[in-house]
Amino acid sequence: MEENVFKSRVDLTELNESVKKIREEIGKVIVGQEQMVDLLITAILADGHVLIEGVPGVAKTLTAKLVSKVISVKFSRIQFTPDLMPSDVLGTSVYNIKKSEFEFKAGPIFSNIVLIDEINRAPAKTQAALFEVMEERQVTVDGTTYPFEGPYMVVATQNPIEHEGTYRLPEAQLDRFLFKILVNYPSLEQEIAIITGHHIRKGIKPIMEINTVLTAEEIRSYRETIQHIHVEAKLLSYVGQLIHETRNSPSLFLGGSPRASIAILTGSKAFAALNGRDFVTPEDIKMIALPVLRHRVILTPEKEMEGVTADDVVKQIIDKVEVPR
């Protein structure tokens, strides 16, 4: 009886059908990586940006391109390099001889889904060009502001910072990403499936097999639905306690910001809807907390020297904070 009450509160039938189709389409090409795919879909529903980190060759860029293919919106790709300038990303004013005036030529950032490949290979000046557009969904150039029509999402890939030619991203920029997803090497069984799939396709590009599933209007509708997902007051306190604990942890030099609290809340609501529920559970919050926090916290120098990772500390905090019942 209680289950029927939950079902009637927020209708998620259409949303769940769309999620199922997205999983099926991406699953045609990507072997395994179910958690990465689910977090990407969650980010779309939660109106958030995603940072994907992994060694070269683990399908980070391909997955981001596949996500853009299943959605019927504008897509652009920017390859970040050490010599890339802010104007190469945002656009620039060009003098029109016929009109005798300057005209603004929009850069590749003007799109709906923007794939930024190897984002940590560009210097701080170019990174700073992304601050406004990622937070406010608008660009200001030469005193003129150009607002973006949603949906708008940045999907960025990066190599681990130990790799040659990479820059550490500014904290202010990292805080603007809803999730940081770590992509590891596939298992032996998955590796064999990848090789087999490549052999069977016989040179056909994987992205050609993907069909469009979602429209911009449907995304806007689903995001409105997400806002009505139920969250109990004790779970709101639980989120606050998790973030508060990161600020008081002796292992962390920098804890989570209020933006991190909101990211966990929004991400948990979207993840609950993704799994067919119109209410958030503690498990949703625990699942979302790690990808939300791993790039927002900074370890103390002592912990870094000990080889401790941000994931280790965040997991300890999640285990430490009492789950509400």
C-alpha atoms as a PDB file:
ATOM      1  CA  MET A   1       0.000   0.000   0.000  1.00  0.00           C
ATOM      2  CA  GLU A   2       2.792   2.377   0.935  1.00  0.00           C
ATOM      3  CA  GLU A   3       4.540   1.615  -2.360  1.00  0.00           C
ATOM      4  CA  ASN A   4       1.441   2.701  -4.302  1.00  0.00           C
ATOM      5  CA  VAL A   5       1.377   5.989  -2.392  1.00  0.00           C
ATOM      6  CA  PHE A   6       4.993   6.628  -3.406  1.00  0.00           C
ATOM      7  CA  LYS A   7       4.194   5.813  -7.040  1.00  0.00           C
ATOM      8  CA  SER A   8       1.312   8.242  -7.225  1.00  0.00           C
ATOM      9  CA  ARG A   9       3.230  11.121  -5.648  1.00  0.00           C
ATOM     10  CA  VAL A  10       5.574  11.847  -8.589  1.00  0.00           C
ATOM     11  CA  ASP A  11       5.108  10.093 -11.935  1.00  0.00           C
ATOM     12  CA  LEU A  12       8.518   8.834 -13.075  1.00  0.00           C
ATOM     13  CA  THR A  13       7.300   6.419 -15.754  1.00  0.00           C
ATOM     14  CA  GLU A  14       8.361   8.487 -18.752  1.00  0.00           C
ATOM     15  CA  LEU A  15      11.681   9.479 -17.179  1.00  0.00           C
ATOM     16  CA  ASN A  16      12.582   5.875 -16.329  1.00  0.00           C
ATOM     17  CA  GLU A  17      11.707   4.748 -19.843  1.00  0.00           C
ATOM     18  CA  SER A  18      14.069   7.366 -21.265  1.00  0.00           C
ATOM     19  CA  VAL A  19      16.842   6.352 -18.844  1.00  0.00           C
ATOM     20  CA  LYS A  20      16.438   2.723 -19.898  1.00  0.00           C
ATOM     21  CA  LYS A  21      16.791   3.706 -23.568  1.00  0.00           C
ATOM     22  CA  ILE A  22      19.912   5.789 -22.865  1.00  0.00           C
ATOM     23  CA  ARG A  23      21.538   2.871 -21.042  1.00  0.00           C
ATOM     24  CA  GLU A  24      20.680   0.564 -23.943  1.00  0.00           C
ATOM     25  CA  GLU A  25      22.110   2.913 -26.568  1.00  0.00           C
ATOM     26  CA  ILE A  26      25.371   3.572 -24.727  1.00  0.00           C
ATOM     27  CA  GLY A  27      25.614  -0.140 -23.859  1.00  0.00           C
ATOM     28  CA  LYS A  28      25.826  -0.892 -27.592  1.00  0.00           C
ATOM     29  CA  VAL A  29      29.352   0.521 -27.545  1.00  0.00           C
ATOM     30  CA  ILE A  30      30.619   0.869 -23.963  1.00  0.00           C
ATOM     31  CA  VAL A  31      31.400  -2.394 -22.178  1.00  0.00           C
ATOM     32  CA  GLY A  32      30.991  -2.223 -18.384  1.00  0.00           C
ATOM     33  CA  GLN A  33      31.456   1.230 -16.784  1.00  0.00           C
ATOM     34  CA  GLU A  34      27.836   1.113 -15.580  1.00  0.00           C
ATOM     35  CA  GLN A  35      28.545   3.481 -12.701  1.00  0.00           C
ATOM     36  CA  MET A  36      30.109   6.080 -15.014  1.00  0.00           C
ATOM     37  CA  VAL A  37      27.116   5.931 -17.346  1.00  0.00           C
ATOM     38  CA  ASP A  38      24.652   6.228 -14.447  1.00  0.00           C
ATOM     39  CA  LEU A  39      26.518   9.228 -13.008  1.00  0.00           C
ATOM     40  CA  LEU A  40      26.538  10.934 -16.414  1.00  0.00           C
ATOM     41  CA  ILE A  41      22.772  10.444 -16.750  1.00  0.00           C
ATOM     42  CA  THR A  42      22.344  11.670 -13.158  1.00  0.00           C
ATOM     43  CA  ALA A  43      24.336  14.806 -14.011  1.00  0.00           C
ATOM     44  CA  ILE A  44      22.128  15.482 -17.045  1.00  0.00           C
ATOM     45  CA  LEU A  45      19.013  15.246 -14.856  1.00  0.00           C
ATOM     46  CA  ALA A  46      20.630  17.349 -12.094  1.00  0.00           C
ATOM     47  CA  ASP A  47      21.826  20.078 -14.488  1.00  0.00           C
ATOM     48  CA  GLY A  48      25.476  19.595 -13.528  1.00  0.00           C
ATOM     49  CA  HIS A  49      28.895  19.430 -15.186  1.00  0.00           C
ATOM     50  CA  VAL A  50      31.070  16.325 -15.108  1.00  0.00           C
ATOM     51  CA  LEU A  51      34.830  15.770 -14.944  1.00  0.00           C
ATOM     52  CA  ILE A  52      36.025  12.336 -16.100  1.00  0.00           C
ATOM     53  CA  GLU A  53      39.538  11.266 -15.130  1.00  0.00           C
ATOM     54  CA  GLY A  54      41.466   8.242 -16.317  1.00  0.00           C
ATOM     55  CA  VAL A  55      44.543   7.106 -18.197  1.00  0.00           C
ATOM     56  CA  PRO A  56      44.533   7.461 -22.004  1.00  0.00           C
ATOM     57  CA  GLY A  57      42.545   4.877 -23.942  1.00  0.00           C
ATOM     58  CA  VAL A  58      39.761   3.977 -21.485  1.00  0.00           C
ATOM     59  CA  ALA A  59      36.946   5.537 -23.588  1.00  0.00           C
ATOM     60  CA  LYS A  60      36.523   8.787 -21.601  1.00  0.00           C
ATOM     61  CA  THR A  61      36.072  10.928 -24.716  1.00  0.00           C
ATOM     62  CA  LEU A  62      34.041   8.281 -26.527  1.00  0.00           C
ATOM     63  CA  THR A  63      31.581   8.004 -23.631  1.00  0.00           C
ATOM     64  CA  ALA A  64      31.128  11.791 -23.519  1.00  0.00           C
ATOM     65  CA  LYS A  65      30.475  11.847 -27.281  1.00  0.00           C
ATOM     66  CA  LEU A  66      27.957   9.011 -26.938  1.00  0.00           C
ATOM     67  CA  VAL A  67      26.056  10.955 -24.258  1.00  0.00           C
ATOM     68  CA  SER A  68      25.833  13.932 -26.615  1.00  0.00           C
ATOM     69  CA  LYS A  69      24.600  11.652 -29.412  1.00  0.00           C
ATOM     70  CA  VAL A  70      21.635  10.275 -27.433  1.00  0.00           C
ATOM     71  CA  ILE A  71      20.394  13.833 -26.817  1.00  0.00           C
ATOM     72  CA  SER A  72      19.025  15.932 -29.677  1.00  0.00           C
ATOM     73  CA  VAL A  73      20.894  19.157 -28.844  1.00  0.00           C
ATOM     74  CA  LYS A  74      23.864  21.128 -30.171  1.00  0.00           C
ATOM     75  CA  PHE A  75      27.255  19.631 -29.428  1.00  0.00           C
ATOM     76  CA  SER A  76      30.775  21.022 -29.658  1.00  0.00           C
ATOM     77  CA  ARG A  77      34.213  19.757 -28.766  1.00  0.00           C
ATOM     78  CA  ILE A  78      37.244  21.732 -27.601  1.00  0.00           C
ATOM     79  CA  GLN A  79      40.704  20.191 -27.428  1.00  0.00           C
ATOM     80  CA  PHE A  80      42.585  21.944 -24.632  1.00  0.00           C
ATOM     81  CA  THR A  81      46.290  22.541 -25.309  1.00  0.00           C
ATOM     82  CA  PRO A  82      48.998  24.610 -23.543  1.00  0.00           C
ATOM     83  CA  ASP A  83      48.767  27.391 -26.169  1.00  0.00           C
ATOM     84  CA  LEU A  84      44.948  27.704 -26.115  1.00  0.00           C
ATOM     85  CA  MET A  85      43.748  31.247 -25.391  1.00  0.00           C
ATOM     86  CA  PRO A  86      40.451  32.325 -23.709  1.00  0.00           C
ATOM     87  CA  SER A  87      39.264  33.857 -27.006  1.00  0.00           C
ATOM     88  CA  ASP A  88      39.673  30.434 -28.669  1.00  0.00           C
ATOM     89  CA  VAL A  89      37.058  29.134 -26.221  1.00  0.00           C
ATOM     90  CA  LEU A  90      34.676  32.076 -25.709  1.00  0.00           C
ATOM     91  CA  GLY A  91      34.912  33.814 -29.072  1.00  0.00           C
ATOM     92  CA  THR A  92      36.143  37.236 -30.093  1.00  0.00           C
ATOM     93  CA  SER A  93      35.055  40.507 -31.721  1.00  0.00           C
ATOM     94  CA  VAL A  94      35.981  40.731 -35.404  1.00  0.00           C
ATOM     95  CA  TYR A  95      35.871  43.938 -37.469  1.00  0.00           C
ATOM     96  CA  ASN A  96      33.304  43.801 -40.285  1.00  0.00           C
ATOM     97  CA  ILE A  97      34.554  46.032 -43.123  1.00  0.00           C
ATOM     98  CA  LYS A  98      31.151  46.179 -44.859  1.00  0.00           C
ATOM     99  CA  LYS A  99      29.314  47.334 -41.737  1.00  0.00           C
ATOM    100  CA  SER A 100      32.278  49.307 -40.364  1.00  0.00           C
ATOM    101  CA  GLU A 101      31.751  47.829 -36.920  1.00  0.00           C
ATOM    102  CA  PHE A 102      32.913  44.991 -34.704  1.00  0.00           C
ATOM    103  CA  GLU A 103      30.884  41.756 -34.667  1.00  0.00           C
ATOM    104  CA  PHE A 104      31.099  39.058 -32.034  1.00  0.00           C
ATOM    105  CA  LYS A 105      32.022  35.631 -33.390  1.00  0.00           C
ATOM    106  CA  ALA A 106      30.919  33.032 -30.848  1.00  0.00           C
ATOM    107  CA  GLY A 107      33.419  30.382 -29.815  1.00  0.00           C
ATOM    108  CA  PRO A 108      32.829  26.636 -29.394  1.00  0.00           C
ATOM    109  CA  ILE A 109      31.644  27.131 -25.792  1.00  0.00           C
ATOM    110  CA  PHE A 110      28.330  28.320 -27.288  1.00  0.00           C
ATOM    111  CA  SER A 111      26.518  24.997 -27.492  1.00  0.00           C
ATOM    112  CA  ASN A 112      24.335  22.727 -25.336  1.00  0.00           C
ATOM    113  CA  ILE A 113      26.752  19.927 -24.525  1.00  0.00           C
ATOM    114  CA  VAL A 114      30.413  20.915 -24.628  1.00  0.00           C
ATOM    115  CA  LEU A 115      33.096  18.230 -24.541  1.00  0.00           C
ATOM    116  CA  ILE A 116      36.395  19.640 -23.284  1.00  0.00           C
ATOM    117  CA  ASP A 117      39.061  17.069 -24.016  1.00  0.00           C
ATOM    118  CA  GLU A 118      42.131  16.940 -21.738  1.00  0.00           C
ATOM    119  CA  ILE A 119      41.002  19.992 -19.790  1.00  0.00           C
ATOM    120  CA  ASN A 120      44.070  19.965 -17.541  1.00  0.00           C
ATOM    121  CA  ARG A 121      46.489  20.577 -20.416  1.00  0.00           C
ATOM    122  CA  ALA A 122      45.590  24.292 -20.704  1.00  0.00           C
ATOM    123  CA  PRO A 123      47.037  26.987 -18.394  1.00  0.00           C
ATOM    124  CA  ALA A 124      45.154  28.859 -15.645  1.00  0.00           C
ATOM    125  CA  LYS A 125      44.264  31.839 -17.874  1.00  0.00           C
ATOM    126  CA  THR A 126      42.225  29.625 -20.211  1.00  0.00           C
ATOM    127  CA  GLN A 127      40.721  27.681 -17.299  1.00  0.00           C
ATOM    128  CA  ALA A 128      39.471  30.957 -15.801  1.00  0.00           C
ATOM    129  CA  ALA A 129      37.526  31.644 -18.998  1.00  0.00           C
ATOM    130  CA  LEU A 130      35.206  28.771 -18.015  1.00  0.00           C
ATOM    131  CA  PHE A 131      34.287  30.095 -14.556  1.00  0.00           C
ATOM    132  CA  GLU A 132      31.346  32.290 -15.581  1.00  0.00           C
ATOM    133  CA  VAL A 133      29.846  29.974 -18.172  1.00  0.00           C
ATOM    134  CA  MET A 134      29.954  26.910 -15.891  1.00  0.00           C
ATOM    135  CA  GLU A 135      28.316  28.651 -12.937  1.00  0.00           C
ATOM    136  CA  GLU A 136      25.969  31.190 -14.507  1.00  0.00           C
ATOM    137  CA  ARG A 137      25.322  29.678 -17.962  1.00  0.00           C
ATOM    138  CA  GLN A 138      26.343  32.938 -19.643  1.00  0.00           C
ATOM    139  CA  VAL A 139      29.404  34.549 -21.220  1.00  0.00           C
ATOM    140  CA  THR A 140      30.481  38.188 -20.913  1.00  0.00           C
ATOM    141  CA  VAL A 141      32.765  39.472 -23.686  1.00  0.00           C
ATOM    142  CA  ASP A 142      33.699  43.139 -24.205  1.00  0.00           C
ATOM    143  CA  GLY A 143      31.027  44.203 -21.705  1.00  0.00           C
ATOM    144  CA  THR A 144      28.194  42.308 -23.419  1.00  0.00           C
ATOM    145  CA  THR A 145      26.553  39.338 -21.707  1.00  0.00           C
ATOM    146  CA  TYR A 146      25.307  36.409 -23.783  1.00  0.00           C
ATOM    147  CA  PRO A 147      22.945  34.123 -21.805  1.00  0.00           C
ATOM    148  CA  PHE A 148      22.667  30.447 -22.772  1.00  0.00           C
ATOM    149  CA  GLU A 149      19.451  28.544 -23.311  1.00  0.00           C
ATOM    150  CA  GLY A 150      19.357  25.243 -21.459  1.00  0.00           C
ATOM    151  CA  PRO A 151      20.179  22.480 -21.294  1.00  0.00           C
ATOM    152  CA  TYR A 152      23.847  23.372 -20.905  1.00  0.00           C
ATOM    153  CA  MET A 153      26.446  20.871 -19.751  1.00  0.00           C
ATOM    154  CA  VAL A 154      30.250  20.687 -19.767  1.00  0.00           C
ATOM    155  CA  VAL A 155      31.718  17.195 -19.920  1.00  0.00           C
ATOM    156  CA  ALA A 156      35.483  17.416 -19.432  1.00  0.00           C
ATOM    157  CA  THR A 157      38.087  14.677 -19.581  1.00  0.00           C
ATOM    158  CA  GLN A 158      41.517  14.769 -17.999  1.00  0.00           C
ATOM    159  CA  ASN A 159      44.547  12.567 -17.523  1.00  0.00           C
ATOM    160  CA  PRO A 160      45.793  11.973 -13.969  1.00  0.00           C
ATOM    161  CA  ILE A 161      47.923  14.899 -12.790  1.00  0.00           C
ATOM    162  CA  GLU A 162      50.986  12.658 -12.555  1.00  0.00           C
ATOM    163  CA  HIS A 163      51.059  12.532 -16.363  1.00  0.00           C
ATOM    164  CA  GLU A 164      53.462  14.757 -18.278  1.00  0.00           C
ATOM    165  CA  GLY A 165      52.198  18.119 -19.519  1.00  0.00           C
ATOM    166  CA  THR A 166      49.227  18.454 -17.175  1.00  0.00           C
ATOM    167  CA  TYR A 167      48.252  21.380 -14.953  1.00  0.00           C
ATOM    168  CA  ARG A 168      46.402  21.129 -11.644  1.00  0.00           C
ATOM    169  CA  LEU A 169      42.935  22.678 -12.106  1.00  0.00           C
ATOM    170  CA  PRO A 170      42.091  25.686  -9.884  1.00  0.00           C
ATOM    171  CA  GLU A 171      39.945  24.836  -6.832  1.00  0.00           C
ATOM    172  CA  ALA A 172      37.308  27.366  -7.921  1.00  0.00           C
ATOM    173  CA  GLN A 173      36.887  25.528 -11.201  1.00  0.00           C
ATOM    174  CA  LEU A 174      36.837  22.051  -9.678  1.00  0.00           C
ATOM    175  CA  ASP A 175      34.051  23.215  -7.344  1.00  0.00           C
ATOM    176  CA  ARG A 176      31.908  23.950 -10.402  1.00  0.00           C
ATOM    177  CA  PHE A 177      31.865  20.312 -11.489  1.00  0.00           C
ATOM    178  CA  LEU A 178      28.975  18.344 -10.002  1.00  0.00           C
ATOM    179  CA  PHE A 179      30.848  15.026 -10.227  1.00  0.00           C
ATOM    180  CA  LYS A 180      34.356  13.769 -10.756  1.00  0.00           C
ATOM    181  CA  ILE A 181      34.201  10.271 -12.212  1.00  0.00           C
ATOM    182  CA  LEU A 182      37.256   7.993 -12.093  1.00  0.00           C
ATOM    183  CA  VAL A 183      37.600   5.506 -14.949  1.00  0.00           C
ATOM    184  CA  ASN A 184      39.773   2.455 -14.381  1.00  0.00           C
ATOM    185  CA  TYR A 185      41.052  -0.235 -16.723  1.00  0.00           C
ATOM    186  CA  PRO A 186      38.462  -2.889 -17.707  1.00  0.00           C
ATOM    187  CA  SER A 187      38.553  -6.406 -16.284  1.00  0.00           C
ATOM    188  CA  LEU A 188      39.860  -9.277 -18.414  1.00  0.00           C
ATOM    189  CA  GLU A 189      36.316 -10.333 -19.395  1.00  0.00           C
ATOM    190  CA  GLN A 190      35.436  -6.762 -20.343  1.00  0.00           C
ATOM    191  CA  GLU A 191      38.692  -6.387 -22.296  1.00  0.00           C
ATOM    192  CA  ILE A 192      37.841  -9.483 -24.346  1.00  0.00           C
ATOM    193  CA  ALA A 193      34.308  -8.140 -24.968  1.00  0.00           C
ATOM    194  CA  ILE A 194      35.772  -4.804 -26.154  1.00  0.00           C
ATOM    195  CA  ILE A 195      38.143  -6.546 -28.573  1.00  0.00           C
ATOM    196  CA  THR A 196      35.373  -8.834 -29.825  1.00  0.00           C
ATOM    197  CA  GLY A 197      32.992  -5.904 -30.410  1.00  0.00           C
ATOM    198  CA  HIS A 198      35.662  -4.009 -32.318  1.00  0.00           C
ATOM    199  CA  HIS A 199      36.313  -7.076 -34.495  1.00  0.00           C
ATOM    200  CA  ILE A 200      32.603  -7.625 -35.223  1.00  0.00           C
ATOM    201  CA  ARG A 201      32.015  -3.980 -36.252  1.00  0.00           C
ATOM    202  CA  LYS A 202      34.691  -4.339 -38.950  1.00  0.00           C
ATOM    203  CA  GLY A 203      35.715  -0.695 -39.041  1.00  0.00           C
ATOM    204  CA  ILE A 204      32.266   0.861 -38.534  1.00  0.00           C
ATOM    205  CA  LYS A 205      32.544   3.843 -36.164  1.00  0.00           C
ATOM    206  CA  PRO A 206      30.851   2.988 -32.819  1.00  0.00           C
ATOM    207  CA  ILE A 207      29.095   6.344 -32.627  1.00  0.00           C
ATOM    208  CA  MET A 208      27.212   5.569 -35.871  1.00  0.00           C
ATOM    209  CA  GLU A 209      25.285   2.834 -34.006  1.00  0.00           C
ATOM    210  CA  ILE A 210      23.781   5.262 -31.464  1.00  0.00           C
ATOM    211  CA  ASN A 211      20.221   6.596 -31.812  1.00  0.00           C
ATOM    212  CA  THR A 212      18.864   9.835 -30.368  1.00  0.00           C
ATOM    213  CA  VAL A 213      16.658   9.276 -27.319  1.00  0.00           C
ATOM    214  CA  LEU A 214      16.078  12.636 -25.599  1.00  0.00           C
ATOM    215  CA  THR A 215      15.116  16.137 -26.714  1.00  0.00           C
ATOM    216  CA  ALA A 216      15.988  19.413 -24.998  1.00  0.00           C
ATOM    217  CA  GLU A 217      12.335  19.862 -24.002  1.00  0.00           C
ATOM    218  CA  GLU A 218      12.245  16.434 -22.348  1.00  0.00           C
ATOM    219  CA  ILE A 219      15.404  17.206 -20.367  1.00  0.00           C
ATOM    220  CA  ARG A 220      13.897  20.476 -19.118  1.00  0.00           C
ATOM    221  CA  SER A 221      10.728  18.592 -18.133  1.00  0.00           C
ATOM    222  CA  TYR A 222      12.660  15.859 -16.305  1.00  0.00           C
ATOM    223  CA  ARG A 223      14.722  18.449 -14.424  1.00  0.00           C
ATOM    224  CA  GLU A 224      11.495  20.038 -13.240  1.00  0.00           C
ATOM    225  CA  THR A 225      10.300  16.601 -12.089  1.00  0.00           C
ATOM    226  CA  ILE A 226      13.541  16.053 -10.131  1.00  0.00           C
ATOM    227  CA  GLN A 227      12.798  19.136  -8.026  1.00  0.00           C
ATOM    228  CA  HIS A 228       9.733  17.365  -6.583  1.00  0.00           C
ATOM    229  CA  ILE A 229      11.598  14.278  -5.355  1.00  0.00           C
ATOM    230  CA  HIS A 230      10.906  13.930  -1.613  1.00  0.00           C
ATOM    231  CA  VAL A 231      13.756  14.379   0.893  1.00  0.00           C
ATOM    232  CA  GLU A 232      13.126  13.944   4.629  1.00  0.00           C
ATOM    233  CA  ALA A 233      14.417  16.602   7.031  1.00  0.00           C
ATOM    234  CA  LYS A 234      16.727  14.120   8.769  1.00  0.00           C
ATOM    235  CA  LEU A 235      18.399  13.390   5.417  1.00  0.00           C
ATOM    236  CA  LEU A 236      18.992  17.095   4.859  1.00  0.00           C
ATOM    237  CA  SER A 237      20.732  17.131   8.250  1.00  0.00           C
ATOM    238  CA  TYR A 238      22.720  14.054   7.208  1.00  0.00           C
ATOM    239  CA  VAL A 239      24.048  15.880   4.131  1.00  0.00           C
ATOM    240  CA  GLY A 240      24.973  18.861   6.301  1.00  0.00           C
ATOM    241  CA  GLN A 241      26.806  16.610   8.778  1.00  0.00           C
ATOM    242  CA  LEU A 242      28.826  14.962   6.000  1.00  0.00           C
ATOM    243  CA  ILE A 243      30.003  18.327   4.666  1.00  0.00           C
ATOM    244  CA  HIS A 244      30.647  19.679   8.162  1.00  0.00           C
ATOM    245  CA  GLU A 245      32.815  16.637   8.909  1.00  0.00           C
ATOM    246  CA  THR A 246      35.006  17.334   5.851  1.00  0.00           C
ATOM    247  CA  ARG A 247      35.727  20.816   7.223  1.00  0.00           C
ATOM    248  CA  ASN A 248      36.791  19.431  10.604  1.00  0.00           C
ATOM    249  CA  SER A 249      38.758  16.416   9.418  1.00  0.00           C
ATOM    250  CA  PRO A 250      42.439  16.479  10.500  1.00  0.00           C
ATOM    251  CA  SER A 251      43.276  14.736   7.218  1.00  0.00           C
ATOM    252  CA  LEU A 252      41.924  17.564   5.053  1.00  0.00           C
ATOM    253  CA  PHE A 253      43.366  21.002   4.403  1.00  0.00           C
ATOM    254  CA  LEU A 254      40.187  22.075   2.560  1.00  0.00           C
ATOM    255  CA  GLY A 255      36.691  20.668   3.104  1.00  0.00           C
ATOM    256  CA  GLY A 256      33.490  20.821   1.082  1.00  0.00           C
ATOM    257  CA  SER A 257      31.781  24.131   0.282  1.00  0.00           C
ATOM    258  CA  PRO A 258      28.044  24.914   0.518  1.00  0.00           C
ATOM    259  CA  ARG A 259      28.003  24.243  -3.230  1.00  0.00           C
ATOM    260  CA  ALA A 260      29.052  20.683  -2.359  1.00  0.00           C
ATOM    261  CA  SER A 261      26.064  20.331   0.009  1.00  0.00           C
ATOM    262  CA  ILE A 262      23.671  21.406  -2.729  1.00  0.00           C
ATOM    263  CA  ALA A 263      25.425  19.111  -5.219  1.00  0.00           C
ATOM    264  CA  ILE A 264      24.887  16.086  -2.950  1.00  0.00           C
ATOM    265  CA  LEU A 265      21.231  17.021  -2.477  1.00  0.00           C
ATOM    266  CA  THR A 266      20.528  17.610  -6.175  1.00  0.00           C
ATOM    267  CA  GLY A 267      22.551  14.587  -7.250  1.00  0.00           C
ATOM    268  CA  SER A 268      20.781  12.334  -4.739  1.00  0.00           C
ATOM    269  CA  LYS A 269      17.363  13.438  -5.966  1.00  0.00           C
ATOM    270  CA  ALA A 270      18.342  12.750  -9.580  1.00  0.00           C
ATOM    271  CA  PHE A 271      19.909   9.392  -8.662  1.00  0.00           C
ATOM    272  CA  ALA A 272      16.751   8.363  -6.788  1.00  0.00           C
ATOM    273  CA  ALA A 273      14.629   9.216  -9.844  1.00  0.00           C
ATOM    274  CA  LEU A 274      17.092   7.325 -12.041  1.00  0.00           C
ATOM    275  CA  ASN A 275      16.329   4.246  -9.937  1.00  0.00           C
ATOM    276  CA  GLY A 276      12.560   4.708 -10.108  1.00  0.00           C
ATOM    277  CA  ARG A 277      12.010   6.262  -6.672  1.00  0.00           C
ATOM    278  CA  ASP A 278      10.409   9.603  -5.861  1.00  0.00           C
ATOM    279  CA  PHE A 279      12.146   9.734  -2.469  1.00  0.00           C
ATOM    280  CA  VAL A 280      15.807   9.903  -1.463  1.00  0.00           C
ATOM    281  CA  THR A 281      17.361   7.214   0.746  1.00  0.00           C
ATOM    282  CA  PRO A 282      20.594   7.374   2.811  1.00  0.00           C
ATOM    283  CA  GLU A 283      22.129   4.967   0.276  1.00  0.00           C
ATOM    284  CA  ASP A 284      21.527   7.514  -2.514  1.00  0.00           C
ATOM    285  CA  ILE A 285      23.400  10.148  -0.511  1.00  0.00           C
ATOM    286  CA  LYS A 286      26.283   7.792   0.296  1.00  0.00           C
ATOM    287  CA  MET A 287      26.545   6.813  -3.374  1.00  0.00           C
ATOM    288  CA  ILE A 288      26.574  10.423  -4.600  1.00  0.00           C
ATOM    289  CA  ALA A 289      28.800  11.866  -1.855  1.00  0.00           C
ATOM    290  CA  LEU A 290      32.024  10.314  -3.176  1.00  0.00           C
ATOM    291  CA  PRO A 291      31.927  11.655  -6.773  1.00  0.00           C
ATOM    292  CA  VAL A 292      30.722  15.016  -5.413  1.00  0.00           C
ATOM    293  CA  LEU A 293      33.480  15.399  -2.814  1.00  0.00           C
ATOM    294  CA  ARG A 294      36.582  13.682  -4.202  1.00  0.00           C
ATOM    295  CA  HIS A 295      37.627  16.718  -6.286  1.00  0.00           C
ATOM    296  CA  ARG A 296      36.474  19.359  -3.801  1.00  0.00           C
ATOM    297  CA  VAL A 297      38.541  18.373  -0.781  1.00  0.00           C
ATOM    298  CA  ILE A 298      42.306  18.868  -0.441  1.00  0.00           C
ATOM    299  CA  LEU A 299      44.472  16.554   1.640  1.00  0.00           C
ATOM    300  CA  THR A 300      46.984  17.863   4.171  1.00  0.00           C
ATOM    301  CA  PRO A 301      50.617  17.573   2.981  1.00  0.00           C
ATOM    302  CA  GLU A 302      51.246  14.895   5.615  1.00  0.00           C
ATOM    303  CA  LYS A 303      48.454  12.663   4.287  1.00  0.00           C
ATOM    304  CA  GLU A 304      49.613  13.158   0.693  1.00  0.00           C
ATOM    305  CA  MET A 305      53.106  12.021   1.672  1.00  0.00           C
ATOM    306  CA  GLU A 306      51.599   8.941   3.325  1.00  0.00           C
ATOM    307  CA  GLY A 307      49.972   8.019   0.007  1.00  0.00           C
ATOM    308  CA  VAL A 308      46.407   8.574   1.268  1.00  0.00           C
ATOM    309  CA  THR A 309      43.889   9.586  -1.427  1.00  0.00           C
ATOM    310  CA  ALA A 310      40.904  11.925  -1.232  1.00  0.00           C
ATOM    311  CA  ASP A 311      38.669   8.890  -1.845  1.00  0.00           C
ATOM    312  CA  ASP A 312      40.109   7.172   1.243  1.00  0.00           C
ATOM    313  CA  VAL A 313      39.326  10.146   3.494  1.00  0.00           C
ATOM    314  CA  VAL A 314      35.845  10.755   2.051  1.00  0.00           C
ATOM    315  CA  LYS A 315      34.958   7.073   2.507  1.00  0.00           C
ATOM    316  CA  GLN A 316      36.140   7.237   6.130  1.00  0.00           C
ATOM    317  CA  ILE A 317      33.928  10.276   6.728  1.00  0.00           C
ATOM    318  CA  ILE A 318      30.916   8.566   5.112  1.00  0.00           C
ATOM    319  CA  ASP A 319      31.481   5.535   7.369  1.00  0.00           C
ATOM    320  CA  LYS A 320      31.957   7.746  10.446  1.00  0.00           C
ATOM    321  CA  VAL A 321      28.783   9.872  10.177  1.00  0.00           C
ATOM    322  CA  GLU A 322      25.771   8.065  11.604  1.00  0.00           C
ATOM    323  CA  VAL A 323      23.117   7.234   9.034  1.00  0.00           C
ATOM    324  CA  PRO A 324      19.640   8.489  10.038  1.00  0.00           C
ATOM    325  CA  ARG A 325      16.978   5.824  10.525  1.00  0.00           C
END
